């Protein structure tokens, strides 16, 4: 599946599942882990779990098997790793605490060079 189609599949699924405050971050050039991070909120631990499981199911159904699915048992923060797209679904209080949007929008740190 093409990266743009996968990203749109995730966005559409989040929208279908009534996820809140969907944020898509292009992190190409900031990390080698993925190309896009998508963050969304669920209204309860059951909602977070259902959203993450549905994203994983629809991706697999479309031929893109998740590399990992983490946190669905707890339901506060679930992560779906689709290689080119990593999806974080969180309760609002967890999302506010970790503030991934601010973290990934910060300019990349440049390592200091050793001075002679």
Protein backbone atom coordinates (compact mmCIF):
# COMPACT_ATOMS: atom_id res chain seq x y z
CA UNK A 1 0.00 0.00 0.00
CA UNK A 2 1.32 3.44 -0.86
CA UNK A 3 2.24 5.69 2.04
CA UNK A 4 -0.33 8.39 1.17
CA UNK A 5 -3.10 5.79 0.89
CA UNK A 6 -2.11 4.27 4.24
CA UNK A 7 -2.07 7.68 5.91
CA UNK A 8 -5.53 8.43 4.51
CA UNK A 9 -6.84 5.01 5.59
CA UNK A 10 -5.73 5.76 9.14
CA UNK A 11 -7.28 9.24 9.11
CA UNK A 12 -10.56 7.89 7.70
CA UNK A 13 -10.64 5.11 10.30
CA UNK A 14 -9.97 7.54 13.14
CA UNK A 15 -12.76 9.75 11.83
CA UNK A 16 -15.15 6.78 11.47
CA UNK A 17 -14.39 5.75 15.06
CA UNK A 18 -15.10 9.28 16.34
CA UNK A 19 -11.54 9.89 17.52
CA UNK A 20 -11.00 13.45 18.66
CA UNK A 21 -8.37 16.06 17.83
CA UNK A 22 -6.65 14.12 15.05
CA UNK A 23 -3.19 15.55 14.37
CA UNK A 24 -1.00 14.38 11.48
CA UNK A 25 2.71 15.13 11.77
CA UNK A 26 5.16 14.71 8.91
CA UNK A 27 8.33 13.60 10.71
CA UNK A 28 10.41 12.75 7.65
CA UNK A 29 13.87 14.16 8.22
CA UNK A 30 13.35 14.19 12.01
CA UNK A 31 13.46 10.45 12.63
CA UNK A 32 14.21 7.24 10.79
CA UNK A 33 11.44 5.44 12.71
CA UNK A 34 8.54 6.51 10.49
CA UNK A 35 7.35 9.09 7.99
CA UNK A 36 4.13 10.16 9.71
CA UNK A 37 2.97 10.20 13.30
CA UNK A 38 -0.73 10.53 13.83
CA UNK A 39 -2.04 11.41 17.28
CA UNK A 40 -5.70 11.22 18.29
CA UNK A 41 -7.72 11.13 21.49
CA UNK A 42 -10.33 8.69 22.69
CA UNK A 43 -13.02 9.50 25.22
CA UNK A 44 -12.44 6.47 27.50
CA UNK A 45 -10.06 3.53 27.86
CA UNK A 46 -12.52 1.35 25.94
CA UNK A 47 -12.73 3.94 23.17
CA UNK A 48 -8.91 4.17 22.93
CA UNK A 49 -8.69 0.36 22.68
CA UNK A 50 -11.45 0.13 20.08
CA UNK A 51 -9.90 2.86 17.92
CA UNK A 52 -6.43 1.25 17.97
CA UNK A 53 -7.77 -2.23 17.26
CA UNK A 54 -9.92 -0.95 14.38
CA UNK A 55 -6.98 0.93 12.83
CA UNK A 56 -4.88 -2.26 13.03
CA UNK A 57 -7.71 -4.39 11.60
CA UNK A 58 -8.45 -2.08 8.67
CA UNK A 59 -4.77 -1.72 7.82
CA UNK A 60 -4.35 -5.50 7.82
CA UNK A 61 -7.52 -5.88 5.76
CA UNK A 62 -5.94 -3.51 3.20
CA UNK A 63 -2.73 -5.55 3.04
CA UNK A 64 -0.62 -3.58 5.53
CA UNK A 65 -0.08 -5.78 8.59
CA UNK A 66 0.89 -3.79 11.69
CA UNK A 67 4.45 -4.26 12.92
CA UNK A 68 3.18 -3.78 16.47
CA UNK A 69 0.16 -2.97 18.57
CA UNK A 70 0.95 -1.78 22.09
CA UNK A 71 -1.04 -0.53 25.08
CA UNK A 72 -4.47 -1.82 24.14
CA UNK A 73 -4.80 -3.78 27.38
CA UNK A 74 -4.40 -0.64 29.50
CA UNK A 75 -6.29 1.69 27.19
CA UNK A 76 -4.68 4.96 28.27
CA UNK A 77 -2.23 5.12 25.37
CA UNK A 78 -2.30 2.69 22.46
CA UNK A 79 0.21 2.64 19.65
CA UNK A 80 -0.22 1.07 16.22
CA UNK A 81 3.02 0.76 14.24
CA UNK A 82 2.32 0.57 10.51
CA UNK A 83 5.95 1.23 9.58
CA UNK A 84 5.48 4.41 7.50
CA UNK A 85 2.69 5.60 9.79
CA UNK A 86 2.74 5.33 13.58
CA UNK A 87 -0.58 5.98 15.30
CA UNK A 88 -0.89 7.10 18.92
CA UNK A 89 -4.36 7.01 20.48
CA UNK A 90 -4.53 8.45 23.98
CA UNK A 91 -6.83 9.62 26.69
CA UNK A 92 -6.82 13.44 26.78
CA UNK A 93 -5.00 13.63 30.14
CA UNK A 94 -2.21 11.37 28.85
CA UNK A 95 -1.99 13.32 25.62
CA UNK A 96 -1.74 16.61 27.51
CA UNK A 97 1.00 15.21 29.74
CA UNK A 98 3.24 13.84 26.96
CA UNK A 99 2.40 16.52 24.38
CA UNK A 100 3.85 14.63 21.42
CA UNK A 101 2.81 17.38 19.02
CA UNK A 102 5.14 19.85 20.73
CA UNK A 103 7.92 17.29 20.96
CA UNK A 104 7.86 16.48 17.24
CA UNK A 105 7.39 20.08 16.10
CA UNK A 106 10.49 21.25 17.99
CA UNK A 107 13.52 21.94 15.82
CA UNK A 108 16.01 19.10 15.68
CA UNK A 109 18.90 19.43 18.08
CA UNK A 110 22.27 19.77 16.48
CA UNK A 111 25.01 17.94 18.36
CA UNK A 112 27.79 20.10 19.69
CA UNK A 113 31.12 19.50 18.05
CA UNK A 114 34.16 18.85 20.16
CA UNK A 115 36.24 21.95 20.55
CA UNK A 116 39.87 21.50 20.01
